[in-house]
Amino acid sequence: PMAIFFPLFTLLEDFGYLPRVAFNLDELFRR
């Protein structure tokens, strides 16, 4: 599972998607 999950997660990270997750969650953290 790690050999599958981590490359997929890293691909999302390198693509630049994680900051978009942070952006979507920002208002909830502020509240």
PDB file of all heavy atoms in Angstrom:
ATOM      1  N   PRO A   1       0.808  -1.226   0.000  1.00  0.00           N
ATOM      2  CA  PRO A   1       0.000   0.000   0.000  1.00  0.00           C
ATOM      3  C   PRO A   1       0.836   1.269   0.000  1.00  0.00           C
ATOM      4  O   PRO A   1       0.474   2.258  -0.644  1.00  0.00           O
ATOM      5  CB  PRO A   1      -0.838  -0.123   1.284  1.00  0.00           C
ATOM      6  CG  PRO A   1      -0.157  -1.134   2.124  1.00  0.00           C
ATOM      7  CD  PRO A   1       0.512  -2.060   1.180  1.00  0.00           C
ATOM      8  N   MET A   2       1.979   1.271   0.708  1.00  0.00           N
ATOM      9  CA  MET A   2       2.816   2.467   0.723  1.00  0.00           C
ATOM     10  C   MET A   2       3.445   2.712  -0.642  1.00  0.00           C
ATOM     11  O   MET A   2       3.571   3.860  -1.082  1.00  0.00           O
ATOM     12  CB  MET A   2       3.909   2.341   1.782  1.00  0.00           C
ATOM     13  CG  MET A   2       3.415   2.478   3.207  1.00  0.00           C
ATOM     14  SD  MET A   2       4.753   2.745   4.389  1.00  0.00           S
ATOM     15  CE  MET A   2       5.756   1.298   4.123  1.00  0.00           C
ATOM     16  N   ALA A   3       3.858   1.638  -1.321  1.00  0.00           N
ATOM     17  CA  ALA A   3       4.483   1.778  -2.629  1.00  0.00           C
ATOM     18  C   ALA A   3       3.502   2.308  -3.675  1.00  0.00           C
ATOM     19  O   ALA A   3       3.920   2.819  -4.717  1.00  0.00           O
ATOM     20  CB  ALA A   3       5.047   0.429  -3.084  1.00  0.00           C
ATOM     21  N   ILE A   4       2.208   2.187  -3.415  1.00  0.00           N
ATOM     22  CA  ILE A   4       1.191   2.734  -4.313  1.00  0.00           C
ATOM     23  C   ILE A   4       0.737   4.115  -3.851  1.00  0.00           C
ATOM     24  O   ILE A   4       0.656   5.065  -4.633  1.00  0.00           O
ATOM     25  CB  ILE A   4      -0.022   1.781  -4.398  1.00  0.00           C
ATOM     26  CG1 ILE A   4       0.408   0.432  -5.001  1.00  0.00           C
ATOM     27  CG2 ILE A   4      -1.148   2.394  -5.227  1.00  0.00           C
ATOM     28  CD1 ILE A   4      -0.665  -0.631  -4.941  1.00  0.00           C
ATOM     29  N   PHE A   5       0.452   4.245  -2.543  1.00  0.00           N
ATOM     30  CA  PHE A   5      -0.124   5.484  -2.031  1.00  0.00           C
ATOM     31  C   PHE A   5       0.850   6.662  -2.131  1.00  0.00           C
ATOM     32  O   PHE A   5       0.482   7.744  -2.603  1.00  0.00           O
ATOM     33  CB  PHE A   5      -0.551   5.299  -0.570  1.00  0.00           C
ATOM     34  CG  PHE A   5      -1.018   6.569   0.088  1.00  0.00           C
ATOM     35  CD1 PHE A   5      -2.290   7.052  -0.139  1.00  0.00           C
ATOM     36  CD2 PHE A   5      -0.179   7.295   0.920  1.00  0.00           C
ATOM     37  CE1 PHE A   5      -2.728   8.227   0.452  1.00  0.00           C
ATOM     38  CE2 PHE A   5      -0.599   8.460   1.521  1.00  0.00           C
ATOM     39  CZ  PHE A   5      -1.880   8.926   1.287  1.00  0.00           C
ATOM     40  N   PHE A   6       2.086   6.470  -1.691  1.00  0.00           N
ATOM     41  CA  PHE A   6       3.017   7.593  -1.636  1.00  0.00           C
ATOM     42  C   PHE A   6       3.366   8.166  -3.009  1.00  0.00           C
ATOM     43  O   PHE A   6       3.423   9.390  -3.165  1.00  0.00           O
ATOM     44  CB  PHE A   6       4.278   7.210  -0.860  1.00  0.00           C
ATOM     45  CG  PHE A   6       4.026   6.991   0.606  1.00  0.00           C
ATOM     46  CD1 PHE A   6       4.700   6.013   1.301  1.00  0.00           C
ATOM     47  CD2 PHE A   6       3.101   7.756   1.289  1.00  0.00           C
ATOM     48  CE1 PHE A   6       4.463   5.805   2.654  1.00  0.00           C
ATOM     49  CE2 PHE A   6       2.841   7.560   2.632  1.00  0.00           C
ATOM     50  CZ  PHE A   6       3.529   6.582   3.314  1.00  0.00           C
ATOM     51  N   PRO A   7       3.617   7.343  -4.051  1.00  0.00           N
ATOM     52  CA  PRO A   7       3.826   7.947  -5.373  1.00  0.00           C
ATOM     53  C   PRO A   7       2.614   8.736  -5.869  1.00  0.00           C
ATOM     54  O   PRO A   7       2.776   9.814  -6.452  1.00  0.00           O
ATOM     55  CB  PRO A   7       4.098   6.729  -6.267  1.00  0.00           C
ATOM     56  CG  PRO A   7       4.669   5.713  -5.356  1.00  0.00           C
ATOM     57  CD  PRO A   7       3.925   5.899  -4.061  1.00  0.00           C
ATOM     58  N   LEU A   8       1.408   8.213  -5.632  1.00  0.00           N
ATOM     59  CA  LEU A   8       0.214   8.944  -6.057  1.00  0.00           C
ATOM     60  C   LEU A   8       0.084  10.270  -5.319  1.00  0.00           C
ATOM     61  O   LEU A   8      -0.217  11.315  -5.921  1.00  0.00           O
ATOM     62  CB  LEU A   8      -1.037   8.087  -5.817  1.00  0.00           C
ATOM     63  CG  LEU A   8      -1.180   6.828  -6.684  1.00  0.00           C
ATOM     64  CD1 LEU A   8      -2.382   6.005  -6.226  1.00  0.00           C
ATOM     65  CD2 LEU A   8      -1.311   7.193  -8.150  1.00  0.00           C
ATOM     66  N   PHE A   9       0.320  10.244  -4.008  1.00  0.00           N
ATOM     67  CA  PHE A   9       0.232  11.463  -3.207  1.00  0.00           C
ATOM     68  C   PHE A   9       1.314  12.457  -3.631  1.00  0.00           C
ATOM     69  O   PHE A   9       1.077  13.668  -3.702  1.00  0.00           O
ATOM     70  CB  PHE A   9       0.391  11.107  -1.727  1.00  0.00           C
ATOM     71  CG  PHE A   9      -0.063  12.185  -0.786  1.00  0.00           C
ATOM     72  CD1 PHE A   9      -1.408  12.377  -0.545  1.00  0.00           C
ATOM     73  CD2 PHE A   9       0.845  12.997  -0.135  1.00  0.00           C
ATOM     74  CE1 PHE A   9      -1.847  13.356   0.332  1.00  0.00           C
ATOM     75  CE2 PHE A   9       0.428  13.984   0.738  1.00  0.00           C
ATOM     76  CZ  PHE A   9      -0.930  14.163   0.974  1.00  0.00           C
ATOM     77  N   THR A  10       2.514  11.950  -3.931  1.00  0.00           N
ATOM     78  CA  THR A  10       3.608  12.820  -4.356  1.00  0.00           C
ATOM     79  C   THR A  10       3.321  13.441  -5.715  1.00  0.00           C
ATOM     80  O   THR A  10       3.682  14.599  -5.971  1.00  0.00           O
ATOM     81  CB  THR A  10       4.929  12.028  -4.414  1.00  0.00           C
ATOM     82  OG1 THR A  10       5.149  11.387  -3.157  1.00  0.00           O
ATOM     83  CG2 THR A  10       6.107  12.952  -4.697  1.00  0.00           C
ATOM     84  N   LEU A  11       2.673  12.694  -6.609  1.00  0.00           N
ATOM     85  CA  LEU A  11       2.294  13.254  -7.909  1.00  0.00           C
ATOM     86  C   LEU A  11       1.341  14.431  -7.742  1.00  0.00           C
ATOM     87  O   LEU A  11       1.483  15.461  -8.412  1.00  0.00           O
ATOM     88  CB  LEU A  11       1.652  12.174  -8.785  1.00  0.00           C
ATOM     89  CG  LEU A  11       2.599  11.133  -9.393  1.00  0.00           C
ATOM     90  CD1 LEU A  11       1.806  10.009 -10.042  1.00  0.00           C
ATOM     91  CD2 LEU A  11       3.521  11.787 -10.418  1.00  0.00           C
ATOM     92  N   LEU A  12       0.368  14.301  -6.833  1.00  0.00           N
ATOM     93  CA  LEU A  12      -0.543  15.421  -6.559  1.00  0.00           C
ATOM     94  C   LEU A  12       0.218  16.607  -5.976  1.00  0.00           C
ATOM     95  O   LEU A  12      -0.076  17.762  -6.288  1.00  0.00           O
ATOM     96  CB  LEU A  12      -1.638  14.975  -5.580  1.00  0.00           C
ATOM     97  CG  LEU A  12      -2.698  14.003  -6.119  1.00  0.00           C
ATOM     98  CD1 LEU A  12      -3.670  13.618  -5.003  1.00  0.00           C
ATOM     99  CD2 LEU A  12      -3.447  14.614  -7.293  1.00  0.00           C
ATOM    100  N   GLU A  13       1.183  16.308  -5.123  1.00  0.00           N
ATOM    101  CA  GLU A  13       1.991  17.360  -4.506  1.00  0.00           C
ATOM    102  C   GLU A  13       2.816  18.093  -5.554  1.00  0.00           C
ATOM    103  O   GLU A  13       2.849  19.330  -5.602  1.00  0.00           O
ATOM    104  CB  GLU A  13       2.899  16.732  -3.449  1.00  0.00           C
ATOM    105  CG  GLU A  13       3.844  17.692  -2.763  1.00  0.00           C
ATOM    106  CD  GLU A  13       4.744  16.970  -1.780  1.00  0.00           C
ATOM    107  OE1 GLU A  13       4.318  15.958  -1.196  1.00  0.00           O
ATOM    108  OE2 GLU A  13       5.888  17.421  -1.603  1.00  0.00           O
ATOM    109  N   ASP A  14       3.512  17.336  -6.415  1.00  0.00           N
ATOM    110  CA  ASP A  14       4.366  17.949  -7.427  1.00  0.00           C
ATOM    111  C   ASP A  14       3.560  18.696  -8.480  1.00  0.00           C
ATOM    112  O   ASP A  14       4.035  19.684  -9.048  1.00  0.00           O
ATOM    113  CB  ASP A  14       5.224  16.879  -8.106  1.00  0.00           C
ATOM    114  CG  ASP A  14       6.289  16.315  -7.172  1.00  0.00           C
ATOM    115  OD1 ASP A  14       6.493  16.924  -6.099  1.00  0.00           O
ATOM    116  OD2 ASP A  14       6.899  15.288  -7.508  1.00  0.00           O
ATOM    117  N   PHE A  15       2.362  18.228  -8.752  1.00  0.00           N
ATOM    118  CA  PHE A  15       1.499  18.913  -9.711  1.00  0.00           C
ATOM    119  C   PHE A  15       1.080  20.280  -9.198  1.00  0.00           C
ATOM    120  O   PHE A  15       0.788  21.187  -9.976  1.00  0.00           O
ATOM    121  CB  PHE A  15       0.270  18.038  -9.985  1.00  0.00           C
ATOM    122  CG  PHE A  15      -0.717  18.656 -10.936  1.00  0.00           C
ATOM    123  CD1 PHE A  15      -0.371  18.942 -12.246  1.00  0.00           C
ATOM    124  CD2 PHE A  15      -2.004  18.953 -10.517  1.00  0.00           C
ATOM    125  CE1 PHE A  15      -1.276  19.510 -13.124  1.00  0.00           C
ATOM    126  CE2 PHE A  15      -2.926  19.530 -11.377  1.00  0.00           C
ATOM    127  CZ  PHE A  15      -2.559  19.805 -12.684  1.00  0.00           C
ATOM    128  N   GLY A  16       1.090  20.458  -7.871  1.00  0.00           N
ATOM    129  CA  GLY A  16       0.703  21.740  -7.285  1.00  0.00           C
ATOM    130  C   GLY A  16      -0.695  21.747  -6.718  1.00  0.00           C
ATOM    131  O   GLY A  16      -1.270  22.818  -6.476  1.00  0.00           O
ATOM    132  N   TYR A  17      -1.254  20.557  -6.476  1.00  0.00           N
ATOM    133  CA  TYR A  17      -2.643  20.505  -6.011  1.00  0.00           C
ATOM    134  C   TYR A  17      -2.775  20.741  -4.507  1.00  0.00           C
ATOM    135  O   TYR A  17      -3.788  21.272  -4.046  1.00  0.00           O
ATOM    136  CB  TYR A  17      -3.274  19.162  -6.378  1.00  0.00           C
ATOM    137  CG  TYR A  17      -4.729  19.073  -5.976  1.00  0.00           C
ATOM    138  CD1 TYR A  17      -5.678  19.888  -6.573  1.00  0.00           C
ATOM    139  CD2 TYR A  17      -5.143  18.208  -4.965  1.00  0.00           C
ATOM    140  CE1 TYR A  17      -7.009  19.832  -6.191  1.00  0.00           C
ATOM    141  CE2 TYR A  17      -6.475  18.143  -4.581  1.00  0.00           C
ATOM    142  CZ  TYR A  17      -7.399  18.959  -5.195  1.00  0.00           C
ATOM    143  OH  TYR A  17      -8.701  18.910  -4.805  1.00  0.00           O
ATOM    144  N   LEU A  18      -1.772  20.367  -3.716  1.00  0.00           N
ATOM    145  CA  LEU A  18      -1.891  20.508  -2.262  1.00  0.00           C
ATOM    146  C   LEU A  18      -2.147  21.944  -1.811  1.00  0.00           C
ATOM    147  O   LEU A  18      -2.935  22.166  -0.893  1.00  0.00           O
ATOM    148  CB  LEU A  18      -0.653  19.938  -1.569  1.00  0.00           C
ATOM    149  CG  LEU A  18      -0.536  18.412  -1.545  1.00  0.00           C
ATOM    150  CD1 LEU A  18       0.619  17.992  -0.658  1.00  0.00           C
ATOM    151  CD2 LEU A  18      -1.824  17.766  -1.058  1.00  0.00           C
ATOM    152  N   PRO A  19      -1.480  22.963  -2.399  1.00  0.00           N
ATOM    153  CA  PRO A  19      -1.819  24.337  -1.998  1.00  0.00           C
ATOM    154  C   PRO A  19      -3.275  24.687  -2.281  1.00  0.00           C
ATOM    155  O   PRO A  19      -3.859  25.508  -1.578  1.00  0.00           O
ATOM    156  CB  PRO A  19      -0.864  25.198  -2.828  1.00  0.00           C
ATOM    157  CG  PRO A  19       0.271  24.296  -3.144  1.00  0.00           C
ATOM    158  CD  PRO A  19      -0.335  22.938  -3.312  1.00  0.00           C
ATOM    159  N   ARG A  20      -3.864  24.064  -3.293  1.00  0.00           N
ATOM    160  CA  ARG A  20      -5.285  24.313  -3.579  1.00  0.00           C
ATOM    161  C   ARG A  20      -6.158  23.706  -2.476  1.00  0.00           C
ATOM    162  O   ARG A  20      -7.188  24.281  -2.113  1.00  0.00           O
ATOM    163  CB  ARG A  20      -5.665  23.711  -4.931  1.00  0.00           C
ATOM    164  CG  ARG A  20      -5.389  24.625  -6.124  1.00  0.00           C
ATOM    165  CD  ARG A  20      -3.943  24.753  -6.467  1.00  0.00           C
ATOM    166  NE  ARG A  20      -3.683  25.765  -7.478  1.00  0.00           N
ATOM    167  CZ  ARG A  20      -2.477  26.063  -7.920  1.00  0.00           C
ATOM    168  NH1 ARG A  20      -1.412  25.424  -7.457  1.00  0.00           N
ATOM    169  NH2 ARG A  20      -2.290  27.018  -8.810  1.00  0.00           N
ATOM    170  N   VAL A  21      -5.737  22.565  -1.942  1.00  0.00           N
ATOM    171  CA  VAL A  21      -6.439  21.994  -0.790  1.00  0.00           C
ATOM    172  C   VAL A  21      -6.368  22.961   0.380  1.00  0.00           C
ATOM    173  O   VAL A  21      -7.358  23.204   1.080  1.00  0.00           O
ATOM    174  CB  VAL A  21      -5.828  20.627  -0.412  1.00  0.00           C
ATOM    175  CG1 VAL A  21      -6.457  20.097   0.866  1.00  0.00           C
ATOM    176  CG2 VAL A  21      -6.031  19.626  -1.549  1.00  0.00           C
ATOM    177  N   ALA A  22      -5.168  23.529   0.603  1.00  0.00           N
ATOM    178  CA  ALA A  22      -4.993  24.501   1.688  1.00  0.00           C
ATOM    179  C   ALA A  22      -5.881  25.723   1.464  1.00  0.00           C
ATOM    180  O   ALA A  22      -6.484  26.255   2.407  1.00  0.00           O
ATOM    181  CB  ALA A  22      -3.529  24.912   1.788  1.00  0.00           C
ATOM    182  N   PHE A  23      -5.957  26.177   0.217  1.00  0.00           N
ATOM    183  CA  PHE A  23      -6.786  27.337  -0.104  1.00  0.00           C
ATOM    184  C   PHE A  23      -8.253  27.043   0.200  1.00  0.00           C
ATOM    185  O   PHE A  23      -8.961  27.871   0.777  1.00  0.00           O
ATOM    186  CB  PHE A  23      -6.603  27.699  -1.578  1.00  0.00           C
ATOM    187  CG  PHE A  23      -7.411  28.882  -2.023  1.00  0.00           C
ATOM    188  CD1 PHE A  23      -6.922  30.168  -1.872  1.00  0.00           C
ATOM    189  CD2 PHE A  23      -8.667  28.717  -2.590  1.00  0.00           C
ATOM    190  CE1 PHE A  23      -7.669  31.268  -2.270  1.00  0.00           C
ATOM    191  CE2 PHE A  23      -9.422  29.795  -2.996  1.00  0.00           C
ATOM    192  CZ  PHE A  23      -8.921  31.081  -2.835  1.00  0.00           C
ATOM    193  N   ASN A  24      -8.711  25.863  -0.180  1.00  0.00           N
ATOM    194  CA  ASN A  24     -10.106  25.490   0.059  1.00  0.00           C
ATOM    195  C   ASN A  24     -10.421  25.412   1.549  1.00  0.00           C
ATOM    196  O   ASN A  24     -11.546  25.710   1.975  1.00  0.00           O
ATOM    197  CB  ASN A  24     -10.414  24.144  -0.602  1.00  0.00           C
ATOM    198  CG  ASN A  24     -10.396  24.224  -2.122  1.00  0.00           C
ATOM    199  OD1 ASN A  24     -10.610  25.288  -2.706  1.00  0.00           O
ATOM    200  ND2 ASN A  24     -10.126  23.100  -2.768  1.00  0.00           N
ATOM    201  N   LEU A  25      -9.439  24.996   2.353  1.00  0.00           N
ATOM    202  CA  LEU A  25      -9.660  24.809   3.789  1.00  0.00           C
ATOM    203  C   LEU A  25      -9.362  26.054   4.615  1.00  0.00           C
ATOM    204  O   LEU A  25      -9.644  26.075   5.818  1.00  0.00           O
ATOM    205  CB  LEU A  25      -8.789  23.649   4.295  1.00  0.00           C
ATOM    206  CG  LEU A  25      -9.102  22.257   3.737  1.00  0.00           C
ATOM    207  CD1 LEU A  25      -8.075  21.252   4.235  1.00  0.00           C
ATOM    208  CD2 LEU A  25     -10.504  21.821   4.135  1.00  0.00           C
ATOM    209  N   ASP A  26      -8.790  27.082   3.989  1.00  0.00           N
ATOM    210  CA  ASP A  26      -8.346  28.260   4.740  1.00  0.00           C
ATOM    211  C   ASP A  26      -9.468  28.898   5.551  1.00  0.00           C
ATOM    212  O   ASP A  26      -9.309  29.231   6.725  1.00  0.00           O
ATOM    213  CB  ASP A  26      -7.734  29.281   3.772  1.00  0.00           C
ATOM    214  CG  ASP A  26      -7.439  30.608   4.448  1.00  0.00           C
ATOM    215  OD1 ASP A  26      -6.753  30.588   5.493  1.00  0.00           O
ATOM    216  OD2 ASP A  26      -7.886  31.655   3.941  1.00  0.00           O
ATOM    217  N   GLU A  27     -10.616  29.084   4.951  1.00  0.00           N
ATOM    218  CA  GLU A  27     -11.723  29.746   5.644  1.00  0.00           C
ATOM    219  C   GLU A  27     -12.181  28.926   6.848  1.00  0.00           C
ATOM    220  O   GLU A  27     -12.520  29.495   7.902  1.00  0.00           O
ATOM    221  CB  GLU A  27     -12.898  29.949   4.674  1.00  0.00           C
ATOM    222  CG  GLU A  27     -14.135  30.580   5.293  1.00  0.00           C
ATOM    223  CD  GLU A  27     -13.891  31.996   5.806  1.00  0.00           C
ATOM    224  OE1 GLU A  27     -12.886  32.621   5.407  1.00  0.00           O
ATOM    225  OE2 GLU A  27     -14.710  32.482   6.613  1.00  0.00           O
ATOM    226  N   LEU A  28     -12.169  27.597   6.722  1.00  0.00           N
ATOM    227  CA  LEU A  28     -12.572  26.754   7.846  1.00  0.00           C
ATOM    228  C   LEU A  28     -11.583  26.867   9.000  1.00  0.00           C
ATOM    229  O   LEU A  28     -11.983  26.896  10.170  1.00  0.00           O
ATOM    230  CB  LEU A  28     -12.691  25.295   7.385  1.00  0.00           C
ATOM    231  CG  LEU A  28     -13.773  25.005   6.342  1.00  0.00           C
ATOM    232  CD1 LEU A  28     -13.730  23.544   5.924  1.00  0.00           C
ATOM    233  CD2 LEU A  28     -15.157  25.348   6.900  1.00  0.00           C
ATOM    234  N   PHE A  29     -10.294  26.936   8.688  1.00  0.00           N
ATOM    235  CA  PHE A  29      -9.306  27.119   9.744  1.00  0.00           C
ATOM    236  C   PHE A  29      -9.482  28.474  10.418  1.00  0.00           C
ATOM    237  O   PHE A  29      -9.346  28.600  11.633  1.00  0.00           O
ATOM    238  CB  PHE A  29      -7.890  26.989   9.179  1.00  0.00           C
ATOM    239  CG  PHE A  29      -7.397  25.569   9.113  1.00  0.00           C
ATOM    240  CD1 PHE A  29      -7.347  24.894   7.915  1.00  0.00           C
ATOM    241  CD2 PHE A  29      -6.997  24.907  10.264  1.00  0.00           C
ATOM    242  CE1 PHE A  29      -6.904  23.584   7.852  1.00  0.00           C
ATOM    243  CE2 PHE A  29      -6.555  23.598  10.217  1.00  0.00           C
ATOM    244  CZ  PHE A  29      -6.507  22.930   9.006  1.00  0.00           C
ATOM    245  N   ARG A  30      -9.746  29.504   9.628  1.00  0.00           N
ATOM    246  CA  ARG A  30      -9.938  30.835  10.202  1.00  0.00           C
ATOM    247  C   ARG A  30     -11.131  30.845  11.149  1.00  0.00           C
ATOM    248  O   ARG A  30     -11.064  31.402  12.242  1.00  0.00           O
ATOM    249  CB  ARG A  30     -10.140  31.868   9.082  1.00  0.00           C
ATOM    250  CG  ARG A  30     -10.169  33.310   9.576  1.00  0.00           C
ATOM    251  CD  ARG A  30     -10.606  34.246   8.467  1.00  0.00           C
ATOM    252  NE  ARG A  30     -11.983  34.015   8.080  1.00  0.00           N
ATOM    253  CZ  ARG A  30     -13.040  34.461   8.770  1.00  0.00           C
ATOM    254  NH1 ARG A  30     -12.871  35.140   9.894  1.00  0.00           N
ATOM    255  NH2 ARG A  30     -14.261  34.215   8.345  1.00  0.00           N
ATOM    256  N   ARG A  31     -12.225  30.203  10.744  1.00  0.00           N
ATOM    257  CA  ARG A  31     -13.415  30.170  11.593  1.00  0.00           C
ATOM    258  C   ARG A  31     -13.188  29.359  12.867  1.00  0.00           C
ATOM    259  O   ARG A  31     -13.837  29.605  13.882  1.00  0.00           O
ATOM    260  CB  ARG A  31     -14.594  29.591  10.818  1.00  0.00           C
ATOM    261  CG  ARG A  31     -15.088  30.494   9.703  1.00  0.00           C
ATOM    262  CD  ARG A  31     -16.353  29.942   9.068  1.00  0.00           C
ATOM    263  NE  ARG A  31     -16.841  30.812   8.013  1.00  0.00           N
ATOM    264  CZ  ARG A  31     -17.980  30.608   7.351  1.00  0.00           C
ATOM    265  NH1 ARG A  31     -18.737  29.561   7.649  1.00  0.00           N
ATOM    266  NH2 ARG A  31     -18.348  31.445   6.398  1.00  0.00           N
TER     267      ARG A  31
END
